[in-house]
Amino acid sequence: MAVKPEKSVYAQRSLLGAILFVIFLASLAGAWWLSTTRTAMVDNGASLLKEIRSQKDGLRHYWGQQTVADFYVIRDKQQKPVAWSATIRIPLADGYQIVDFQPAAGTQHQVGIWSLWNGLNKGEYKSHELLLAFDGNQIKAQSAKSKVPAGAEMPANFLPEIMLPLAASLLTEKNSGASFKTVDPESAVLNGQFNFGVSYFQPQNATTMQVKTDSAAAGSQTILYEFDGKKVLQKIHYVKAGLTHELTPPDKVLELFLKDTTLRALAQAAQSLPADDSPLRNLLFPQPVHPAVEMP
C-alpha cells in the first residue's frame, strides 16, 4: 500500500487553509459592502427628504397648487379589470389633504386621509384602522385593534406612505437608490410597541422604479412604479399579488364599474377639474378642512 509523502499532506493542508482564509476575507468584505450599501441607502433617503424640505415652498414645489384626482383600474394577470382605486390631493394654505381609496373586501373601499404640511414638519393619517401623527421629533400611532397609543423617535428617513410615488419619481430621475422607514397601518402598533416597516428603492431604467417593502403585517413585497416621459405615474405593479393599477380617466373607470355609487360620485365631482375643484371638496369634506395634528 502506497503512502503519500508527508510534505504532500502538509501542502494540501496549507492550500486548504489558504482557501478557507480567502473565503473568510471574502465574507467579511461582502458583509462590509452590504453594511456600507445599506447605510448609503438610508443616507440617500434622508437626503431626499431634506432636499424636499429645503425647497422654498416644500411639497408645493412638486405637487403644485391644483387639486389632482388620479383614478386607476386594477387589473389581474390576465388583464381583467377587477377593482379600482383613486388618490385625490387637495391643496390647502399650508399643506395638502390627500384622500386615498383602496379596494377592500367585497365591493368596499378602505379610505385613508393624509394631512401633510408643505415643510413635512408635521402630518397625520386617519383611517378606520389607524390614527397616525408626526412632528419633527416624534411619531405616534393608535390602532383600532390595540386602542393603546405607541410612539417612537422620528427617523430622518421616515417617508409617509402616500409619498412613495413622489419619492419613486425623484429617485428615478436621479437614477439613485434609497431606503426609507415607512408605516403599515395594519402593523404600526404591535404588542404595545410602535413598529416601522422599510422600503428599498432601486431604479430599473429611466422610467421604472422598483420598491421592495417589508412590514410585519404584509411581509415582503415588490412594487414597480412606471412613469412616462413627463414623470407622470402610469402604472403600479404589485408583483406578488399579480395586480396592476393603471392610470385611467375617471369616466373610463366608471364604464367598467357602473354600479359603484362611490366611484360614480367621485368621477362626477372630478369632471370640473382642474378649473373648479369645489365639487370634490364639498363631496369629500362638507366642512372646511385644515391640517391639524393631535398626537394620540
Protein backbone atom coordinates (compact mmCIF):
# COMPACT_ATOMS: atom_id res chain seq x y z
CA MET A 1 0.00 0.00 0.00
CA ALA A 2 1.40 3.33 -1.11
CA VAL A 3 1.84 6.08 1.48
CA LYS A 4 1.66 9.75 0.47
CA PRO A 5 4.77 11.71 1.23
CA GLU A 6 4.44 13.81 4.39
CA LYS A 7 5.31 17.03 2.51
CA SER A 8 2.38 16.45 0.12
CA VAL A 9 -0.09 16.19 3.04
CA TYR A 10 1.27 19.39 4.56
CA ALA A 11 1.00 21.13 1.20
CA GLN A 12 -2.64 20.10 0.81
CA ARG A 13 -3.47 21.29 4.32
CA SER A 14 -1.72 24.60 3.68
CA LEU A 15 -3.65 25.06 0.43
CA LEU A 16 -6.96 24.25 2.15
CA GLY A 17 -6.15 26.72 4.92
CA ALA A 18 -5.34 29.40 2.38
CA ILE A 19 -8.63 28.77 0.53
CA LEU A 20 -10.64 28.95 3.76
CA PHE A 21 -8.84 32.17 4.70
CA VAL A 22 -9.68 33.71 1.30
CA ILE A 23 -13.35 32.69 1.73
CA PHE A 24 -13.34 34.23 5.22
CA LEU A 25 -11.91 37.50 3.87
CA ALA A 26 -14.46 37.48 1.04
CA SER A 27 -17.33 37.01 3.50
CA LEU A 28 -16.02 39.90 5.61
CA ALA A 29 -15.75 42.08 2.51
CA GLY A 30 -19.28 41.09 1.47
CA ALA A 31 -20.68 41.92 4.90
CA TRP A 32 -18.83 45.25 4.90
CA TRP A 33 -20.11 46.05 1.38
CA LEU A 34 -23.70 45.17 2.34
CA SER A 35 -23.50 47.28 5.50
CA THR A 36 -21.97 50.20 3.61
CA THR A 37 -24.60 49.95 0.86
CA ARG A 38 -27.45 49.89 3.36
CA THR A 39 -26.01 52.88 5.19
CA ALA A 40 -25.70 54.76 1.90
CA MET A 41 -29.31 53.88 1.01
CA VAL A 42 -30.54 55.22 4.36
CA ASP A 43 -28.46 58.38 3.89
CA ASN A 44 -29.90 58.83 0.39
CA GLY A 45 -33.41 58.58 1.77
CA ALA A 46 -32.75 61.16 4.47
CA SER A 47 -31.02 63.38 1.90
CA LEU A 48 -34.01 63.30 -0.46
CA LEU A 49 -36.40 64.32 2.33
CA LYS A 50 -34.01 67.09 3.33
CA GLU A 51 -33.99 68.26 -0.29
CA ILE A 52 -37.80 68.41 -0.33
CA ARG A 53 -37.86 70.39 2.92
CA SER A 54 -35.19 72.77 1.63
CA GLN A 55 -37.41 73.98 -1.21
CA LYS A 56 -38.84 77.43 -0.52
CA ASP A 57 -42.39 76.05 -0.65
CA GLY A 58 -41.62 72.45 0.29
CA LEU A 59 -44.09 69.95 -1.13
CA ARG A 60 -45.80 72.71 -3.10
CA HIS A 61 -42.69 72.81 -5.32
CA TYR A 62 -43.51 69.29 -6.53
CA TRP A 63 -47.27 68.98 -6.18
CA GLY A 64 -48.35 72.46 -7.24
CA GLN A 65 -51.47 74.40 -6.31
CA GLN A 66 -54.16 72.49 -8.19
CA THR A 67 -56.38 69.70 -6.96
CA VAL A 68 -55.44 66.41 -8.62
CA ALA A 69 -57.63 63.31 -8.84
CA ASP A 70 -55.90 60.17 -10.11
CA PHE A 71 -58.11 57.16 -10.87
CA TYR A 72 -56.75 53.68 -11.53
CA VAL A 73 -58.20 50.49 -12.99
CA ILE A 74 -56.82 47.47 -11.18
CA ARG A 75 -56.17 44.52 -13.48
CA ASP A 76 -55.15 40.93 -12.70
CA LYS A 77 -52.53 38.86 -14.52
CA GLN A 78 -54.95 38.21 -17.37
CA GLN A 79 -55.53 41.99 -17.70
CA LYS A 80 -59.10 41.59 -16.46
CA PRO A 81 -60.39 44.68 -14.58
CA VAL A 82 -61.14 43.54 -11.04
CA ALA A 83 -61.35 46.79 -8.99
CA TRP A 84 -60.49 50.48 -8.93
CA SER A 85 -58.53 52.88 -6.73
CA ALA A 86 -58.21 56.65 -6.53
CA THR A 87 -55.99 59.26 -4.89
CA ILE A 88 -57.29 62.80 -4.55
CA ARG A 89 -54.88 65.55 -3.48
CA ILE A 90 -56.34 68.89 -2.38
CA PRO A 91 -54.03 71.86 -1.70
CA LEU A 92 -54.62 73.94 1.43
CA ALA A 93 -53.00 77.14 2.65
CA ASP A 94 -50.13 75.35 4.41
CA GLY A 95 -50.20 71.83 3.04
CA TYR A 96 -52.34 69.13 1.47
CA GLN A 97 -55.29 66.95 2.31
CA ILE A 98 -54.99 63.64 0.46
CA VAL A 99 -57.78 61.07 0.31
CA ASP A 100 -56.74 57.59 -0.74
CA PHE A 101 -59.32 54.99 -1.84
CA GLN A 102 -58.02 51.42 -1.95
CA PRO A 103 -60.08 48.26 -2.54
CA ALA A 104 -61.04 46.17 0.46
CA ALA A 105 -63.20 43.09 0.95
CA GLY A 106 -66.07 42.72 -1.49
CA THR A 107 -67.09 45.99 -3.11
CA GLN A 108 -65.95 48.09 -0.16
CA HIS A 109 -63.04 50.52 -0.18
CA GLN A 110 -60.63 51.41 2.58
CA VAL A 111 -60.38 55.18 2.84
CA GLY A 112 -57.31 56.84 4.34
CA ILE A 113 -56.93 60.59 4.78
CA TRP A 114 -53.48 62.17 4.93
CA SER A 115 -52.74 65.71 6.07
CA LEU A 116 -49.23 66.89 5.21
CA TRP A 117 -47.61 70.26 5.82
CA ASN A 118 -45.56 71.72 2.96
CA GLY A 119 -42.36 71.51 5.00
CA LEU A 120 -43.05 67.92 6.14
CA ASN A 121 -42.58 69.14 9.70
CA LYS A 122 -46.00 67.79 10.65
CA GLY A 123 -48.51 65.32 9.32
CA GLU A 124 -51.23 62.86 10.18
CA TYR A 125 -53.10 59.89 8.79
CA LYS A 126 -56.60 58.74 9.68
CA SER A 127 -58.48 55.61 8.72
CA HIS A 128 -60.73 53.05 10.40
CA GLU A 129 -57.58 51.10 11.23
CA LEU A 130 -55.15 53.72 12.44
CA LEU A 131 -54.55 57.22 13.71
CA LEU A 132 -51.00 58.32 12.97
CA ALA A 133 -49.39 61.68 13.75
CA PHE A 134 -45.85 63.01 13.49
CA ASP A 135 -43.89 66.18 14.01
CA GLY A 136 -40.19 66.89 13.64
CA ASN A 137 -39.26 64.80 16.68
CA GLN A 138 -41.85 62.14 17.39
CA ILE A 139 -44.19 59.80 15.54
CA LYS A 140 -47.15 58.28 17.37
CA ALA A 141 -49.94 55.91 16.47
CA GLN A 142 -53.06 54.33 17.85
CA SER A 143 -54.58 51.35 16.10
CA ALA A 144 -58.20 50.27 16.20
CA LYS A 145 -57.11 46.79 17.29
CA SER A 146 -54.94 47.65 20.28
CA LYS A 147 -56.51 51.01 21.24
CA VAL A 148 -53.23 51.67 23.08
CA PRO A 149 -51.11 54.53 21.70
CA ALA A 150 -47.45 53.91 20.96
CA GLY A 151 -44.68 56.17 19.73
CA ALA A 152 -41.08 56.36 18.62
CA GLU A 153 -38.41 58.86 17.75
CA MET A 154 -38.86 60.31 14.26
CA PRO A 155 -36.26 58.77 11.87
CA ALA A 156 -34.50 61.13 9.47
CA ASN A 157 -35.58 58.87 6.59
CA PHE A 158 -39.26 58.47 7.54
CA LEU A 159 -41.43 58.63 4.42
CA PRO A 160 -45.23 58.91 4.65
CA GLU A 161 -46.65 56.09 2.57
CA ILE A 162 -48.67 58.45 0.38
CA MET A 163 -45.36 59.96 -0.80
CA LEU A 164 -43.95 56.70 -2.23
CA PRO A 165 -44.82 57.69 -5.84
CA LEU A 166 -43.19 61.12 -5.44
CA ALA A 167 -40.02 59.58 -3.99
CA ALA A 168 -40.01 56.99 -6.78
CA SER A 169 -40.28 59.74 -9.40
CA LEU A 170 -37.48 61.87 -7.93
CA LEU A 171 -35.14 58.91 -7.42
CA THR A 172 -35.82 57.61 -10.94
CA GLU A 173 -34.81 60.99 -12.29
CA LYS A 174 -31.64 60.89 -10.20
CA ASN A 175 -31.03 57.23 -11.11
CA SER A 176 -30.41 56.63 -7.42
CA GLY A 177 -31.43 54.09 -4.82
CA ALA A 178 -32.59 54.88 -1.28
CA SER A 179 -34.08 53.36 1.84
CA PHE A 180 -36.95 54.77 3.92
CA LYS A 181 -38.70 53.94 7.13
CA THR A 182 -42.43 53.59 6.48
CA VAL A 183 -45.55 52.64 8.43
CA ASP A 184 -48.00 49.87 7.55
CA PRO A 185 -51.42 50.69 9.09
CA GLU A 186 -52.01 47.02 9.89
CA SER A 187 -48.82 46.62 11.91
CA ALA A 188 -47.99 50.13 13.14
CA VAL A 189 -48.67 49.06 16.73
CA LEU A 190 -47.71 45.53 17.78
CA ASN A 191 -47.76 44.36 21.39
CA GLY A 192 -47.94 47.94 22.55
CA GLN A 193 -44.82 48.93 20.59
CA PHE A 194 -44.51 51.22 17.58
CA ASN A 195 -43.39 49.27 14.56
CA PHE A 196 -41.74 50.61 11.40
CA GLY A 197 -41.61 48.96 8.02
CA VAL A 198 -38.87 49.59 5.49
CA SER A 199 -38.91 50.37 1.76
CA TYR A 200 -35.90 49.93 -0.52
CA PHE A 201 -35.88 51.91 -3.79
CA GLN A 202 -33.79 50.72 -6.73
CA PRO A 203 -34.11 52.20 -10.25
CA GLN A 204 -34.62 49.67 -13.04
CA ASN A 205 -34.36 52.00 -16.02
CA ALA A 206 -35.10 55.63 -16.96
CA THR A 207 -38.84 55.25 -16.29
CA THR A 208 -39.24 52.42 -13.76
CA MET A 209 -38.50 52.26 -10.03
CA GLN A 210 -38.53 49.02 -8.06
CA VAL A 211 -39.59 49.31 -4.42
CA LYS A 212 -39.19 46.38 -2.06
CA THR A 213 -41.21 46.79 1.11
CA ASP A 214 -41.10 44.80 4.30
CA SER A 215 -43.57 45.02 7.18
CA ALA A 216 -44.78 42.75 9.97
CA ALA A 217 -48.31 42.53 8.53
CA ALA A 218 -47.77 42.34 4.77
CA GLY A 219 -44.36 40.67 4.82
CA SER A 220 -42.10 41.33 1.85
CA GLN A 221 -43.46 42.55 -1.46
CA THR A 222 -42.12 44.13 -4.63
CA ILE A 223 -43.77 47.12 -6.29
CA LEU A 224 -42.84 48.60 -9.67
CA TYR A 225 -43.67 52.26 -10.35
CA GLU A 226 -43.77 53.01 -14.07
CA PHE A 227 -43.63 56.63 -15.30
CA ASP A 228 -43.99 58.24 -18.70
CA GLY A 229 -41.56 60.72 -20.25
CA LYS A 230 -43.17 63.59 -18.33
CA LYS A 231 -42.66 61.81 -14.98
CA VAL A 232 -46.39 61.11 -14.64
CA LEU A 233 -47.11 57.81 -12.87
CA GLN A 234 -48.85 55.48 -15.34
CA LYS A 235 -48.82 52.05 -13.71
CA ILE A 236 -48.16 50.45 -10.33
CA HIS A 237 -47.34 46.75 -10.49
CA TYR A 238 -47.75 44.65 -7.34
CA VAL A 239 -45.60 41.70 -8.34
CA LYS A 240 -46.54 39.19 -5.62
CA ALA A 241 -50.29 39.79 -5.95
CA GLY A 242 -50.11 39.91 -9.74
CA LEU A 243 -52.11 43.15 -9.85
CA THR A 244 -51.52 46.31 -11.88
CA HIS A 245 -53.01 49.73 -11.09
CA GLU A 246 -53.29 51.58 -14.41
CA LEU A 247 -53.92 55.34 -14.59
CA THR A 248 -57.25 55.81 -16.38
CA PRO A 249 -59.63 58.76 -16.95
CA PRO A 250 -62.45 58.65 -14.37
CA ASP A 251 -65.22 58.30 -16.96
CA LYS A 252 -63.46 55.24 -18.43
CA VAL A 253 -63.10 53.70 -14.97
CA LEU A 254 -66.80 54.30 -14.33
CA GLU A 255 -67.70 52.48 -17.55
CA LEU A 256 -66.15 49.35 -16.06
CA PHE A 257 -67.85 49.66 -12.66
CA LEU A 258 -71.19 51.31 -13.40
CA LYS A 259 -72.92 50.06 -10.25
CA ASP A 260 -70.32 51.50 -7.86
CA THR A 261 -72.02 54.52 -6.27
CA THR A 262 -68.86 55.78 -4.57
CA LEU A 263 -66.94 55.76 -7.83
CA ARG A 264 -69.82 57.45 -9.64
CA ALA A 265 -69.93 60.31 -7.11
CA LEU A 266 -66.15 60.80 -7.28
CA ALA A 267 -65.98 60.62 -11.07
CA GLN A 268 -68.79 63.13 -11.48
CA ALA A 269 -67.25 65.53 -8.97
CA ALA A 270 -63.89 65.29 -10.76
CA GLN A 271 -65.34 66.29 -14.14
CA SER A 272 -64.86 70.01 -13.44
CA LEU A 273 -61.11 69.67 -12.71
CA PRO A 274 -58.78 71.47 -12.99
CA ALA A 275 -60.86 74.63 -13.39
CA ASP A 276 -63.14 74.01 -10.40
CA ASP A 277 -62.42 71.69 -7.50
CA SER A 278 -65.34 72.75 -5.31
CA PRO A 279 -67.49 69.69 -6.21
CA LEU A 280 -64.74 67.36 -4.97
CA ARG A 281 -64.01 69.46 -1.88
CA ASN A 282 -67.69 69.58 -0.97
CA LEU A 283 -68.12 65.85 -1.56
CA LEU A 284 -65.11 64.77 0.50
CA PHE A 285 -65.16 67.48 3.15
CA PRO A 286 -68.59 69.08 3.68
CA GLN A 287 -66.96 71.25 6.35
CA PRO A 288 -63.83 73.39 5.76
CA VAL A 289 -60.67 71.39 6.48
CA HIS A 290 -57.26 72.39 7.72
CA PRO A 291 -54.35 70.10 8.56
CA ALA A 292 -54.35 69.65 12.32
CA VAL A 293 -52.25 67.18 14.22
CA GLU A 294 -53.37 65.92 17.60
CA MET A 295 -50.87 63.48 18.98
CA PRO A 296 -52.72 60.43 20.33
